[in-house]
Amino acid sequence: MKLIIVFIALFLIEESNAKLFSNSYVSFELPPRWNCTAEGTEWICRSELKGDAQTAIIILTAKEVGASDGLSQYETYLKQPKTIPDSSGRPFTSEVKGVKVRKINDHDWIDGLHMGSEIPTFYTRYLATTKQSIAVLVTFSAHKRFYTKFSNDFFKAILSLRVTAPQKIGSGSNTIRGAGESLGAPLGTSFPSDMIVDDGDYPDELNSKSDYKEKLFGLGIVIAALGAYFFLKRRKKT
């Protein structure tokens, strides 16, 4: 029973570590132990854990609304496969997994998932929208081998997305692209150089960190099952 209580406590501590990130145009719930830094007109968010930081990333960018910005334009763009160079310089075409309009906190976004659209070995989920004079793009990317590990955190972050941009672009516009610029393309150039982008062997350290939550969750199930078993056994004796 004590072990079950410890497991529940660890789970609650993990959940409570989530924090709200906000900049001049958007806010969302950042996964536990993640931080964001501004790099030019983009915000780069990564985990504090080295193994996680090498396999997943969130990138935010925004611009003044121009003629090419709108939900219908974003939907059309994301429904088309993208061709990028692989690590050898050969063309690689992404696979479109799905694109749809999603309402998040009473605001419409275009939600699209691609495989290999920014880096051949990464899934990237795109959330794009406009509000008043601002166009916003938030991308959630993870290596295909580890995408399921981050999918729950990404899902929570997406459900908490809010566009917080003012009606008029003010003093914070230094982090926002101009109306004539593209919205966050190409994002692949923003990926830090230490990201794991190939399909080769992974260090044991990275594998152990990537499996940490899954092993902890599995241990919790085993402990709960054992607790239920002994409880029922004791009840049967009495």
Protein backbone atom coordinates (compact mmCIF):
# COMPACT_ATOMS: atom_id res chain seq x y z
CA MET A 1 0.00 0.00 0.00
CA LYS A 2 2.86 2.36 0.84
CA LEU A 3 4.39 1.70 -2.56
CA ILE A 4 1.10 2.59 -4.24
CA ILE A 5 0.94 5.87 -2.30
CA VAL A 6 4.53 6.67 -3.35
CA PHE A 7 3.67 6.01 -6.99
CA ILE A 8 0.59 8.25 -6.84
CA ALA A 9 2.63 10.99 -5.15
CA LEU A 10 5.29 10.82 -7.87
CA PHE A 11 2.60 11.02 -10.55
CA LEU A 12 0.97 14.07 -8.93
CA ILE A 13 4.33 15.80 -8.56
CA GLU A 14 5.04 15.21 -12.25
CA GLU A 15 1.69 16.69 -13.23
CA SER A 16 2.11 19.71 -10.96
CA ASN A 17 5.42 20.57 -12.64
CA ALA A 18 3.57 21.66 -15.77
CA LYS A 19 3.70 25.42 -16.22
CA LEU A 20 2.06 28.04 -18.39
CA PHE A 21 4.27 29.56 -21.09
CA SER A 22 3.29 32.86 -22.67
CA ASN A 23 4.91 35.40 -24.96
CA SER A 24 3.57 38.43 -26.82
CA TYR A 25 1.19 36.40 -28.99
CA VAL A 26 0.39 32.94 -27.59
CA SER A 27 0.19 30.92 -24.37
CA PHE A 28 0.00 27.20 -23.65
CA GLU A 29 0.76 24.60 -20.98
CA LEU A 30 4.40 23.65 -21.26
CA PRO A 31 5.25 19.99 -20.49
CA PRO A 32 6.97 19.37 -17.14
CA ARG A 33 10.70 20.21 -17.08
CA TRP A 34 10.57 22.04 -20.42
CA ASN A 35 11.83 25.58 -21.06
CA CYS A 36 11.50 28.05 -23.94
CA THR A 37 14.05 30.55 -25.27
CA ALA A 38 13.68 33.27 -27.90
CA GLU A 39 15.90 32.91 -30.96
CA GLY A 40 15.28 35.78 -33.36
CA THR A 41 11.65 35.67 -34.44
CA GLU A 42 11.13 32.15 -33.11
CA TRP A 43 10.75 30.56 -29.70
CA ILE A 44 12.42 27.18 -29.19
CA CYS A 45 11.09 24.93 -26.41
CA ARG A 46 12.97 21.82 -25.24
CA SER A 47 13.12 19.49 -22.27
CA GLU A 48 15.68 19.95 -19.52
CA LEU A 49 16.49 16.23 -19.81
CA LYS A 50 19.28 15.67 -22.32
CA GLY A 51 17.78 12.54 -23.85
CA ASP A 52 14.37 14.18 -24.28
CA ALA A 53 15.89 17.44 -25.55
CA GLN A 54 17.57 15.52 -28.35
CA THR A 55 14.39 13.86 -29.61
CA ALA A 56 11.57 16.41 -29.26
CA ILE A 57 11.07 20.14 -29.77
CA ILE A 58 8.33 22.77 -29.86
CA ILE A 59 8.78 25.83 -32.10
CA LEU A 60 6.63 28.97 -32.08
CA THR A 61 6.61 31.79 -34.59
CA ALA A 62 4.28 34.61 -35.62
CA LYS A 63 3.95 37.35 -38.22
CA GLU A 64 1.76 40.21 -39.27
CA VAL A 65 -1.19 38.92 -41.29
CA GLY A 66 -0.57 39.21 -45.04
CA ALA A 67 -2.36 38.23 -48.23
CA SER A 68 -1.22 34.59 -47.95
CA ASP A 69 -2.45 34.14 -44.38
CA GLY A 70 -5.76 32.50 -43.51
CA LEU A 71 -7.16 29.17 -42.36
CA SER A 72 -8.09 28.06 -45.88
CA GLN A 73 -4.56 28.83 -47.15
CA TYR A 74 -2.98 26.96 -44.26
CA GLU A 75 -5.26 23.98 -44.76
CA THR A 76 -4.43 23.80 -48.47
CA TYR A 77 -0.70 24.11 -47.77
CA LEU A 78 -0.65 21.40 -45.08
CA LYS A 79 -2.61 18.96 -47.25
CA GLN A 80 0.29 18.91 -49.71
CA PRO A 81 3.38 16.74 -49.06
CA LYS A 82 6.59 18.71 -48.57
CA THR A 83 9.90 17.83 -50.21
CA ILE A 84 13.07 18.42 -48.23
CA PRO A 85 16.68 17.17 -48.50
CA ASP A 86 17.67 14.24 -46.29
CA SER A 87 21.02 13.98 -44.48
CA SER A 88 22.68 12.96 -47.76
CA GLY A 89 21.16 15.85 -49.70
CA ARG A 90 18.70 13.65 -51.59
CA PRO A 91 15.07 14.81 -51.88
CA PHE A 92 12.69 13.34 -49.31
CA THR A 93 8.91 13.74 -49.56
CA SER A 94 6.84 13.95 -46.40
CA GLU A 95 3.75 11.86 -45.69
CA VAL A 96 0.59 13.76 -44.77
CA LYS A 97 -1.10 11.96 -41.87
CA GLY A 98 -4.09 14.26 -41.51
CA VAL A 99 -5.25 17.88 -41.65
CA LYS A 100 -8.41 19.40 -40.16
CA VAL A 101 -9.93 22.46 -38.55
CA ARG A 102 -9.80 22.17 -34.74
CA LYS A 103 -11.54 24.47 -32.28
CA ILE A 104 -9.33 25.13 -29.27
CA ASN A 105 -10.60 27.39 -26.50
CA ASP A 106 -13.30 28.82 -28.81
CA HIS A 107 -10.81 29.64 -31.55
CA ASP A 108 -10.29 27.83 -34.89
CA TRP A 109 -6.88 26.41 -35.75
CA ILE A 110 -5.65 24.30 -38.65
CA ASP A 111 -4.23 21.09 -37.19
CA GLY A 112 -1.99 19.01 -39.45
CA LEU A 113 0.34 16.07 -38.87
CA HIS A 114 3.19 15.18 -41.23
CA MET A 115 5.90 12.55 -41.18
CA GLY A 116 9.22 13.84 -42.50
CA SER A 117 8.18 17.39 -43.38
CA GLU A 118 10.94 19.18 -41.43
CA ILE A 119 13.43 16.36 -40.87
CA PRO A 120 12.91 12.92 -42.50
CA THR A 121 12.92 11.03 -39.18
CA PHE A 122 10.57 13.37 -37.29
CA TYR A 123 6.80 13.62 -36.96
CA THR A 124 5.68 17.25 -36.90
CA ARG A 125 2.26 18.46 -35.81
CA TYR A 126 1.34 21.94 -37.07
CA LEU A 127 -1.12 24.29 -35.35
CA ALA A 128 -1.70 27.47 -37.37
CA THR A 129 -4.22 30.29 -37.03
CA THR A 130 -4.81 34.01 -37.37
CA LYS A 131 -6.36 36.49 -34.97
CA GLN A 132 -6.87 40.13 -35.84
CA SER A 133 -3.48 41.31 -37.18
CA ILE A 134 -1.40 38.28 -36.07
CA ALA A 135 -0.72 34.92 -37.74
CA VAL A 136 0.61 32.20 -35.43
CA LEU A 137 2.28 28.85 -36.05
CA VAL A 138 3.17 26.36 -33.31
CA THR A 139 4.85 23.07 -34.24
CA PHE A 140 5.33 19.98 -32.09
CA SER A 141 8.04 17.66 -33.40
CA ALA A 142 9.50 14.39 -32.14
CA HIS A 143 11.65 11.63 -33.57
CA LYS A 144 9.46 8.85 -34.95
CA ARG A 145 10.93 6.34 -32.48
CA PHE A 146 9.92 8.50 -29.50
CA TYR A 147 6.78 10.29 -30.72
CA THR A 148 4.40 8.24 -28.58
CA LYS A 149 6.46 9.18 -25.51
CA PHE A 150 5.69 12.87 -26.07
CA SER A 151 2.23 12.63 -27.63
CA ASN A 152 0.35 13.04 -24.33
CA ASP A 153 2.35 16.14 -23.34
CA PHE A 154 1.87 17.57 -26.82
CA PHE A 155 -1.87 16.88 -26.65
CA LYS A 156 -2.21 18.72 -23.33
CA ALA A 157 -0.22 21.66 -24.67
CA ILE A 158 -2.39 21.87 -27.80
CA LEU A 159 -5.63 21.81 -25.81
CA SER A 160 -4.35 24.77 -23.77
CA LEU A 161 -3.35 26.95 -26.75
CA ARG A 162 -4.59 30.55 -26.64
CA VAL A 163 -3.76 33.44 -28.95
CA THR A 164 -3.02 36.39 -26.70
CA ALA A 165 -1.93 38.93 -29.33
CA PRO A 166 -3.28 42.48 -28.95
CA GLN A 167 -5.47 44.06 -31.62
CA LYS A 168 -2.54 46.14 -32.81
CA ILE A 169 1.10 45.12 -32.96
CA GLY A 170 2.95 47.14 -30.34
CA SER A 171 6.36 47.20 -28.75
CA GLY A 172 6.64 43.41 -28.69
CA SER A 173 6.61 43.21 -32.49
CA ASN A 174 10.38 42.72 -32.62
CA THR A 175 9.70 38.97 -32.25
CA ILE A 176 7.14 38.92 -35.04
CA ARG A 177 7.86 38.58 -38.77
CA GLY A 178 6.63 41.16 -41.24
CA ALA A 179 3.50 40.73 -43.34
CA GLY A 180 5.50 39.84 -46.45
CA GLU A 181 7.51 37.08 -44.79
CA SER A 182 6.58 33.42 -44.70
CA LEU A 183 5.12 31.90 -41.54
CA GLY A 184 7.91 29.87 -39.99
CA ALA A 185 9.41 28.30 -43.11
CA PRO A 186 11.71 26.53 -43.26
CA LEU A 187 11.47 25.34 -39.67
CA GLY A 188 14.02 22.57 -40.15
CA THR A 189 16.80 25.14 -40.00
CA SER A 190 15.70 25.97 -36.44
CA PHE A 191 16.38 22.47 -35.13
CA PRO A 192 19.42 22.52 -32.79
CA SER A 193 22.45 20.68 -34.11
CA ASP A 194 22.44 18.14 -31.27
CA MET A 195 19.04 16.68 -32.18
CA ILE A 196 19.01 12.94 -32.98
CA VAL A 197 17.97 13.02 -36.64
CA ASP A 198 19.12 9.64 -38.00
CA ASP A 199 17.91 6.05 -37.66
CA GLY A 200 21.15 4.66 -36.21
CA ASP A 201 21.86 3.06 -32.88
CA TYR A 202 21.03 5.03 -29.75
CA PRO A 203 23.19 5.22 -26.62
CA ASP A 204 21.96 3.15 -23.68
CA GLU A 205 21.62 6.38 -21.68
CA LEU A 206 19.17 7.81 -24.20
CA ASN A 207 17.18 4.59 -24.36
CA SER A 208 16.86 4.43 -20.58
CA LYS A 209 15.69 8.04 -20.32
CA SER A 210 13.20 7.57 -23.12
CA ASP A 211 11.71 4.53 -21.41
CA TYR A 212 11.64 6.11 -17.92
CA LYS A 213 7.99 7.15 -17.82
CA GLU A 214 6.81 3.96 -19.52
CA LYS A 215 8.68 1.81 -16.98
CA LEU A 216 7.38 3.89 -14.07
CA PHE A 217 3.83 3.62 -15.37
CA GLY A 218 4.22 -0.14 -15.80
CA LEU A 219 5.59 -0.47 -12.28
CA GLY A 220 2.59 1.44 -10.96
CA ILE A 221 0.20 -0.97 -12.66
CA VAL A 222 2.04 -3.96 -11.19
CA ILE A 223 1.98 -2.43 -7.71
CA ALA A 224 -1.72 -1.62 -7.98
CA ALA A 225 -2.46 -5.16 -9.17
CA LEU A 226 -0.51 -6.68 -6.28
CA GLY A 227 -2.29 -4.40 -3.82
CA ALA A 228 -5.68 -5.44 -5.15
CA TYR A 229 -4.68 -9.11 -5.04
CA PHE A 230 -3.58 -9.03 -1.39
CA PHE A 231 -6.62 -6.96 -0.41
CA LEU A 232 -9.02 -9.47 -1.96
CA LYS A 233 -7.08 -12.38 -0.48
CA ARG A 234 -7.22 -10.90 3.02
CA ARG A 235 -10.90 -10.08 2.59
CA LYS A 236 -11.62 -13.66 1.54
CA LYS A 237 -9.90 -15.03 4.66
CA THR A 238 -11.89 -12.77 6.96
